[in-house]
Amino acid sequence: MPFSNLGLSEALIKAIADSGYTTPTPIQTKAIPAVLTGRDLLAAAQTGTGKTAGFTLPILQRLAQTEHGRNRPVRALILTPTRELAAQVAESVVKYGAHQQPRLKSEVVFGGVKINPQMMRLRGGVDILTATPGRLLDLISQNAVKLDKVEILVLDEADRMLDMGFIKDIRKILAMLPKKRQNLLFSATFSADIRKLTGDLLVNPVKIEVAVENAAADLIDQRVYTVSKTAKTALLTHLVKTKDWQQVLVFTSTKHGANKLTEKLNIANIKSAAIHGNKSQGARTSALAGFKAGDIRVLVATDVAARGIDIAQLPHVVNFELPRSSADYVHRIGRTGRAGQNGQAVSLVSQDEYQALRLVEKLIGLQIPREQIDGFSAA
């Protein structure tokens, strides 16, 4: 089914085409019509399912159909757990709203940067505000933003927000919203806390369950290179150079490991950058922009920092170490093989990771082909 069958305007269809997408994902097919009709939504969806477009597109259409007030109050509020995801969602709002006339005004606010510039940007009013909960409350306490005209609320990655201890902040924010509004909640998992939140928040919601694109999908070529721990950096350098990989997302288990690997790759003349929680927001934004533009060849990331990274045609994902959770393996490799493009997911596995590898293979129901390259011992 094409996007044109989902009830979206020509301006939005044009923006989707500009972004290189032709066919909606399962969650977009189900979510977009439901949101357009004004229903509350409960979606079990992980990163890699196309959920961001599933709510940004219909929100843009709904808000464009009504006049904004004289002071341009916030009419759609999107809450996210991390600044990276907030920035990614805000980028989608701008991208998909590019051809709308008149243009809706959107802003993004998050912690880790100075608050005053954000206050200045909010002065002229804003239709769509993407925010992390803590910074939003800071801005409310400074009278920089009011939420009394919000028509649509989105909680994106709600499970992660609760894991990070935002439940009190979220409840404070909910208390400031109009009682009559549309609520959209997206969560990869459903704990008791999430179930309680949905019970309090949603009214007769449309329920959607969409698994992350299958880890064993035909579009993703998965392989394991067995290698000793000490030879991993040398092997990665060898693969990037000999196979001429131009855009590679590498996952490491620790921030220190990400820094160390980035340093060694740069010494080997492979332009690289790291993103993780200890990096400033400016450094992370710059690294991601450089990676998308092709100026940075290898982006080294931790799992948390990589949440929200969405690159439509990312060709290579590398697990420098296997993740602690097998489900995280699925999330990691799901960043390639998107939008109908082929992708490759490579894992560098040392002897102490063989048990973790077996658990991954059990989860995905597939034995991943193993290779060994001469000169890079697996012992």
Protein backbone atom coordinates (compact mmCIF):
# COMPACT_ATOMS: atom_id res chain seq x y z
CA MET A 1 0.00 0.00 0.00
CA PRO A 2 1.44 3.42 -0.96
CA PHE A 3 1.50 6.41 1.41
CA SER A 4 -1.12 8.10 -0.79
CA ASN A 5 -3.71 5.56 0.43
CA LEU A 6 -3.33 6.60 4.07
CA GLY A 7 -5.20 9.89 3.79
CA LEU A 8 -2.14 12.17 3.89
CA SER A 9 -2.01 15.53 2.11
CA GLU A 10 -0.04 16.14 -1.09
CA ALA A 11 2.45 18.32 0.82
CA LEU A 12 3.25 15.44 3.17
CA ILE A 13 3.42 12.88 0.34
CA LYS A 14 5.96 15.13 -1.44
CA ALA A 15 8.09 15.39 1.73
CA ILE A 16 7.99 11.60 2.15
CA ALA A 17 9.16 11.15 -1.45
CA ASP A 18 11.94 13.70 -0.87
CA SER A 19 13.11 11.56 2.05
CA GLY A 20 13.46 8.52 -0.19
CA TYR A 21 10.61 6.45 1.25
CA THR A 22 8.07 4.81 -1.05
CA THR A 23 6.15 2.25 1.02
CA PRO A 24 4.87 2.66 4.59
CA THR A 25 6.06 0.26 7.28
CA PRO A 26 3.45 -1.88 9.11
CA ILE A 27 3.26 0.55 12.03
CA GLN A 28 2.81 3.52 9.70
CA THR A 29 0.02 1.71 7.84
CA LYS A 30 -1.85 1.15 11.12
CA ALA A 31 -0.95 4.26 13.12
CA ILE A 32 -1.40 7.05 10.56
CA PRO A 33 -5.14 6.49 9.85
CA ALA A 34 -5.86 6.02 13.59
CA VAL A 35 -4.10 9.26 14.56
CA LEU A 36 -5.79 11.16 11.72
CA THR A 37 -9.21 10.22 13.13
CA GLY A 38 -8.25 11.58 16.56
CA ARG A 39 -8.12 8.24 18.40
CA ASP A 40 -5.80 7.55 21.33
CA LEU A 41 -3.06 5.08 20.41
CA LEU A 42 -1.13 2.40 22.27
CA ALA A 43 1.71 1.05 20.14
CA ALA A 44 4.15 -1.71 21.05
CA ALA A 45 7.00 -0.68 18.80
CA GLN A 46 10.77 -0.61 18.97
CA THR A 47 13.40 1.49 17.23
CA GLY A 48 13.60 0.47 13.58
CA THR A 49 9.86 0.12 12.94
CA GLY A 50 9.32 3.59 11.45
CA LYS A 51 7.28 4.75 14.45
CA THR A 52 8.52 8.37 14.32
CA ALA A 53 6.92 9.00 10.92
CA GLY A 54 3.91 7.04 12.21
CA PHE A 55 3.06 9.91 14.56
CA THR A 56 4.81 12.99 13.09
CA LEU A 57 3.03 12.75 9.72
CA PRO A 58 -0.57 12.63 11.04
CA ILE A 59 0.21 15.27 13.70
CA LEU A 60 1.44 17.65 11.00
CA GLN A 61 -1.71 17.02 8.98
CA ARG A 62 -4.12 17.43 11.92
CA LEU A 63 -2.57 20.68 13.13
CA ALA A 64 -2.45 22.13 9.61
CA GLN A 65 -6.24 21.72 9.36
CA THR A 66 -6.94 24.17 12.19
CA GLU A 67 -5.81 27.74 12.82
CA HIS A 68 -3.25 28.29 15.54
CA GLY A 69 -4.17 30.84 18.22
CA ARG A 70 -2.95 34.43 18.22
CA ASN A 71 -0.03 33.65 20.54
CA ARG A 72 0.78 30.37 18.79
CA PRO A 73 0.41 28.05 21.82
CA VAL A 74 1.90 24.56 21.94
CA ARG A 75 -0.68 22.27 20.30
CA ALA A 76 1.36 19.07 20.04
CA LEU A 77 3.80 17.96 22.75
CA ILE A 78 6.21 15.07 22.07
CA LEU A 79 8.11 13.75 25.12
CA THR A 80 11.23 11.61 24.64
CA PRO A 81 13.69 10.07 27.11
CA THR A 82 16.96 11.35 25.61
CA ARG A 83 18.22 14.46 23.87
CA GLU A 84 19.41 12.37 20.89
CA LEU A 85 15.92 10.99 20.32
CA ALA A 86 14.38 14.44 20.86
CA ALA A 87 16.69 15.92 18.20
CA GLN A 88 15.91 13.06 15.81
CA VAL A 89 12.12 13.44 16.23
CA ALA A 90 12.36 17.23 15.82
CA GLU A 91 14.37 16.73 12.63
CA SER A 92 11.58 14.49 11.29
CA VAL A 93 8.96 17.14 12.09
CA VAL A 94 10.90 19.75 10.09
CA LYS A 95 11.64 17.35 7.23
CA TYR A 96 8.06 16.13 6.78
CA GLY A 97 6.54 19.59 7.23
CA ALA A 98 8.80 21.21 4.61
CA HIS A 99 6.10 21.66 1.93
CA GLN A 100 3.17 22.63 4.15
CA GLN A 101 1.68 26.10 3.60
CA PRO A 102 1.51 27.85 5.93
CA ARG A 103 4.41 26.17 7.73
CA LEU A 104 3.88 24.95 11.26
CA LYS A 105 6.47 26.14 13.75
CA SER A 106 8.35 23.49 15.73
CA GLU A 107 11.06 23.53 18.37
CA VAL A 108 13.07 21.03 20.40
CA VAL A 109 14.28 21.49 23.99
CA PHE A 110 16.51 19.25 26.12
CA GLY A 111 19.04 19.45 28.93
CA GLY A 112 22.81 19.53 28.66
CA VAL A 113 22.79 22.90 26.88
CA LYS A 114 22.09 26.47 28.03
CA ILE A 115 18.43 27.20 28.74
CA ASN A 116 18.36 30.89 27.71
CA PRO A 117 18.62 30.34 23.92
CA GLN A 118 15.76 27.83 24.21
CA MET A 119 13.65 30.38 26.09
CA MET A 120 14.32 32.95 23.35
CA ARG A 121 13.29 30.52 20.60
CA LEU A 122 10.00 29.76 22.38
CA ARG A 123 9.05 33.44 22.72
CA GLY A 124 7.27 33.70 19.38
CA GLY A 125 5.15 30.64 20.12
CA VAL A 126 5.43 27.13 18.71
CA ASP A 127 2.92 24.62 17.29
CA ILE A 128 4.88 21.41 17.91
CA LEU A 129 7.29 21.05 20.83
CA THR A 130 9.59 18.04 21.25
CA ALA A 131 11.14 17.85 24.72
CA THR A 132 12.82 15.79 27.39
CA PRO A 133 10.76 15.90 30.61
CA GLY A 134 13.31 17.56 32.91
CA ARG A 135 14.12 20.48 30.63
CA LEU A 136 10.44 21.00 29.83
CA LEU A 137 9.67 21.41 33.55
CA ASP A 138 12.60 23.85 33.87
CA LEU A 139 11.13 25.96 31.06
CA ILE A 140 7.64 25.83 32.57
CA SER A 141 9.03 27.03 35.92
CA GLN A 142 10.58 29.99 34.06
CA ASN A 143 7.19 30.77 32.41
CA ALA A 144 8.80 30.15 29.02
CA VAL A 145 6.14 27.68 27.89
CA LYS A 146 2.51 26.86 28.74
CA LEU A 147 0.74 23.58 28.04
CA ASP A 148 -2.91 24.60 28.48
CA LYS A 149 -3.71 24.41 24.74
CA VAL A 150 -2.09 21.04 23.96
CA GLU A 151 -4.31 18.98 21.64
CA ILE A 152 -2.00 15.99 21.06
CA LEU A 153 0.45 14.37 23.50
CA VAL A 154 3.05 11.79 22.42
CA LEU A 155 5.06 9.68 24.87
CA ASP A 156 7.83 8.17 22.74
CA GLU A 157 9.82 5.25 24.20
CA ALA A 158 7.67 5.48 27.33
CA ASP A 159 9.32 2.40 28.87
CA ARG A 160 12.72 4.04 28.61
CA MET A 161 11.41 7.24 30.22
CA LEU A 162 10.17 5.22 33.19
CA ASP A 163 13.45 3.24 33.37
CA MET A 164 15.30 6.55 33.59
CA GLY A 165 13.16 7.70 36.52
CA PHE A 166 10.98 10.25 34.70
CA ILE A 167 7.61 9.02 36.00
CA LYS A 168 7.23 11.88 38.54
CA ASP A 169 8.16 14.46 35.90
CA ILE A 170 5.70 12.92 33.44
CA ARG A 171 2.88 13.00 35.99
CA LYS A 172 3.65 16.67 36.76
CA ILE A 173 3.47 17.45 33.03
CA LEU A 174 0.22 15.48 32.57
CA ALA A 175 -1.39 17.54 35.35
CA MET A 176 -0.75 20.72 33.33
CA LEU A 177 -2.41 19.48 30.13
CA PRO A 178 -6.05 19.98 29.11
CA LYS A 179 -8.19 16.98 30.06
CA LYS A 180 -9.55 16.74 26.53
CA ARG A 181 -6.71 15.79 24.20
CA GLN A 182 -5.41 12.97 22.01
CA ASN A 183 -2.76 10.70 23.60
CA LEU A 184 -0.26 8.54 21.70
CA LEU A 185 1.99 6.17 23.64
CA PHE A 186 4.86 4.17 22.11
CA SER A 187 6.76 1.57 24.13
CA ALA A 188 8.99 -1.39 23.29
CA THR A 189 8.00 -3.23 26.48
CA PHE A 190 5.01 -3.23 28.85
CA SER A 191 5.96 -3.37 32.53
CA ALA A 192 3.43 -2.99 35.37
CA ASP A 193 4.33 0.72 35.56
CA ILE A 194 3.68 1.22 31.84
CA ARG A 195 0.35 -0.63 32.10
CA LYS A 196 -0.68 1.63 34.99
CA LEU A 197 0.33 4.72 33.01
CA THR A 198 -1.64 3.60 29.94
CA GLY A 199 -4.67 2.86 32.13
CA ASP A 200 -4.56 6.38 33.56
CA LEU A 201 -3.75 8.11 30.29
CA LEU A 202 -5.47 6.48 27.33
CA VAL A 203 -9.18 6.44 26.49
CA ASN A 204 -10.37 3.50 24.36
CA PRO A 205 -7.06 3.40 22.44
CA VAL A 206 -6.34 1.76 19.11
CA LYS A 207 -3.80 -0.96 19.98
CA ILE A 208 -0.97 -1.74 17.59
CA GLU A 209 1.73 -4.35 18.04
CA VAL A 210 4.62 -4.35 15.61
CA ALA A 211 7.82 -6.31 16.10
CA VAL A 212 11.13 -4.78 15.14
CA GLU A 213 12.08 -5.80 11.61
CA ASN A 214 13.16 -9.41 11.90
CA ALA A 215 16.80 -9.69 12.84
CA ALA A 216 17.12 -12.52 10.33
CA ALA A 217 15.54 -10.46 7.54
CA ASP A 218 16.72 -11.27 4.04
CA LEU A 219 17.95 -7.70 3.60
CA ILE A 220 20.52 -8.02 6.41
CA ASP A 221 23.61 -10.12 5.76
CA GLN A 222 24.74 -11.22 9.23
CA ARG A 223 28.16 -12.69 9.90
CA VAL A 224 30.52 -13.36 12.77
CA TYR A 225 34.29 -12.96 12.64
CA THR A 226 35.95 -14.95 15.42
CA VAL A 227 38.94 -13.03 16.74
CA SER A 228 40.96 -12.60 19.93
CA LYS A 229 40.02 -9.64 22.13
CA THR A 230 43.38 -7.97 21.52
CA ALA A 231 43.11 -8.23 17.72
CA LYS A 232 39.62 -6.71 17.36
CA THR A 233 40.77 -3.17 16.56
CA ALA A 234 43.26 -4.42 13.97
CA LEU A 235 40.58 -6.64 12.38
CA LEU A 236 38.05 -3.79 12.21
CA THR A 237 40.68 -1.54 10.61
CA HIS A 238 41.47 -4.31 8.11
CA LEU A 239 37.79 -4.83 7.21
CA VAL A 240 37.02 -1.12 6.77
CA LYS A 241 40.06 -0.61 4.52
CA THR A 242 40.08 -3.82 2.46
CA LYS A 243 36.31 -3.92 1.93
CA ASP A 244 36.18 -0.15 1.37
CA TRP A 245 33.36 0.44 3.86
CA GLN A 246 32.45 4.13 3.68
CA GLN A 247 29.74 4.41 6.36
CA VAL A 248 29.96 2.15 9.40
CA LEU A 249 28.11 2.33 12.73
CA VAL A 250 30.15 0.49 15.39
CA PHE A 251 28.71 -0.46 18.78
CA THR A 252 30.89 -0.74 21.88
CA SER A 253 29.88 -1.73 25.41
CA THR A 254 31.47 1.21 27.22
CA LYS A 255 32.11 4.93 26.76
CA HIS A 256 35.82 4.42 27.46
CA GLY A 257 35.93 1.66 24.85
CA ALA A 258 34.25 3.97 22.31
CA ASN A 259 36.84 6.71 22.91
CA LYS A 260 39.78 4.30 22.72
CA LEU A 261 38.56 2.67 19.50
CA THR A 262 37.86 6.05 17.86
CA GLU A 263 41.37 7.23 18.71
CA LYS A 264 42.97 4.12 17.19
CA LEU A 265 40.86 4.29 14.01
CA ASN A 266 41.80 7.94 13.49
CA ILE A 267 45.50 7.04 13.92
CA ALA A 268 44.93 4.44 11.17
CA ASN A 269 43.61 7.27 8.92
CA ILE A 270 39.99 6.16 9.18
CA LYS A 271 38.00 9.30 10.02
CA SER A 272 35.97 8.40 13.09
CA ALA A 273 33.95 9.97 15.90
CA ALA A 274 32.37 8.68 19.11
CA ILE A 275 28.97 9.47 20.62
CA HIS A 276 28.07 8.61 24.20
CA GLY A 277 26.68 10.16 27.37
CA ASN A 278 29.93 11.90 28.37
CA LYS A 279 30.12 13.86 25.11
CA SER A 280 28.61 17.35 24.97
CA GLN A 281 25.40 17.80 23.00
CA GLY A 282 27.29 19.90 20.45
CA ALA A 283 29.90 17.18 19.94
CA ARG A 284 27.22 14.51 19.49
CA THR A 285 25.19 16.59 17.04
CA SER A 286 28.32 17.43 15.05
CA ALA A 287 29.46 13.78 14.94
CA LEU A 288 26.06 12.55 13.76
CA ALA A 289 25.80 15.28 11.10
CA GLY A 290 29.31 14.47 9.84
CA PHE A 291 28.47 10.77 9.70
CA LYS A 292 25.25 11.37 7.75
CA ALA A 293 27.06 13.70 5.34
CA GLY A 294 29.82 11.16 4.70
CA ASP A 295 32.58 13.28 6.27
CA ILE A 296 32.97 10.77 9.10
CA ARG A 297 33.48 7.21 7.96
CA VAL A 298 33.01 5.36 11.26
CA LEU A 299 30.65 6.40 14.06
CA VAL A 300 31.36 4.58 17.33
CA ALA A 301 28.41 4.53 19.72
CA THR A 302 27.13 3.06 22.95
CA ASP A 303 23.61 1.59 22.96
CA VAL A 304 22.05 4.47 24.90
CA ALA A 305 23.61 7.20 22.73
CA ALA A 306 22.50 5.41 19.56
CA ARG A 307 18.80 5.41 20.53
CA GLY A 308 16.97 7.46 17.96
CA ILE A 309 19.67 7.38 15.28
CA ASP A 310 17.80 6.85 12.02
CA ILE A 311 19.79 6.67 8.80
CA ALA A 312 17.65 5.32 5.96
CA GLN A 313 20.41 3.62 3.96
CA LEU A 314 23.09 2.70 6.49
CA PRO A 315 25.12 -0.11 4.85
CA HIS A 316 27.19 -1.51 7.74
CA VAL A 317 26.68 -2.13 11.47
CA VAL A 318 29.49 -3.68 13.53
CA ASN A 319 29.23 -5.17 17.00
CA PHE A 320 32.74 -4.54 18.36
CA GLU A 321 31.49 -6.45 21.40
CA LEU A 322 28.24 -8.36 21.64
CA PRO A 323 25.66 -6.55 23.80
CA ARG A 324 24.72 -7.80 27.26
CA SER A 325 21.14 -8.33 26.11
CA SER A 326 20.28 -10.42 23.05
CA ALA A 327 17.36 -8.06 22.34
CA ASP A 328 19.88 -5.21 22.02
CA TYR A 329 21.56 -7.20 19.24
CA VAL A 330 18.27 -7.05 17.33
CA HIS A 331 17.97 -3.29 17.95
CA ARG A 332 21.56 -2.70 16.83
CA ILE A 333 21.47 -4.59 13.57
CA GLY A 334 17.97 -3.26 12.79
CA ARG A 335 19.64 0.05 11.93
CA THR A 336 20.78 -1.42 8.62
CA GLY A 337 18.68 -3.13 5.95
CA ARG A 338 16.01 -0.42 6.12
CA ALA A 339 13.79 1.15 3.47
CA GLY A 340 14.27 -1.81 1.12
CA GLN A 341 18.07 -1.48 1.07
CA ASN A 342 20.50 -4.33 1.72
CA GLY A 343 22.68 -4.06 4.81
CA GLN A 344 25.43 -5.95 6.55
CA ALA A 345 25.73 -6.68 10.28
CA VAL A 346 29.14 -7.90 11.40
CA SER A 347 30.02 -9.10 14.91
CA LEU A 348 33.60 -9.41 16.15
CA VAL A 349 33.37 -12.26 18.65
CA SER A 350 36.09 -13.39 21.05
CA GLN A 351 36.15 -16.69 22.92
CA ASP A 352 34.59 -15.26 26.10
CA GLU A 353 31.56 -14.13 24.05
CA TYR A 354 30.62 -17.52 22.57
CA GLN A 355 27.87 -18.08 25.16
CA ALA A 356 26.39 -14.63 24.41
CA LEU A 357 26.49 -15.50 20.70
CA ARG A 358 24.55 -18.72 21.33
CA LEU A 359 21.85 -16.73 23.17
CA VAL A 360 21.60 -14.27 20.25
CA GLU A 361 21.23 -17.15 17.78
CA LYS A 362 18.56 -18.74 19.96
CA LEU A 363 16.59 -15.48 20.02
CA ILE A 364 16.71 -14.88 16.26
CA GLY A 365 16.32 -18.57 15.36
CA LEU A 366 19.33 -18.55 13.07
CA GLN A 367 22.92 -19.76 13.15
CA ILE A 368 25.03 -16.83 12.00
CA PRO A 369 27.82 -17.78 9.54
CA ARG A 370 31.28 -17.66 11.11
CA GLU A 371 34.49 -16.60 9.42
CA GLN A 372 38.10 -16.22 10.45
CA ILE A 373 40.65 -14.07 8.66
CA ASP A 374 44.28 -15.13 8.47
CA GLY A 375 46.49 -13.14 10.80
CA PHE A 376 43.70 -12.37 13.28
CA SER A 377 43.79 -15.20 15.78
CA ALA A 378 40.61 -16.40 17.48
CA ALA A 379 42.57 -17.78 20.43
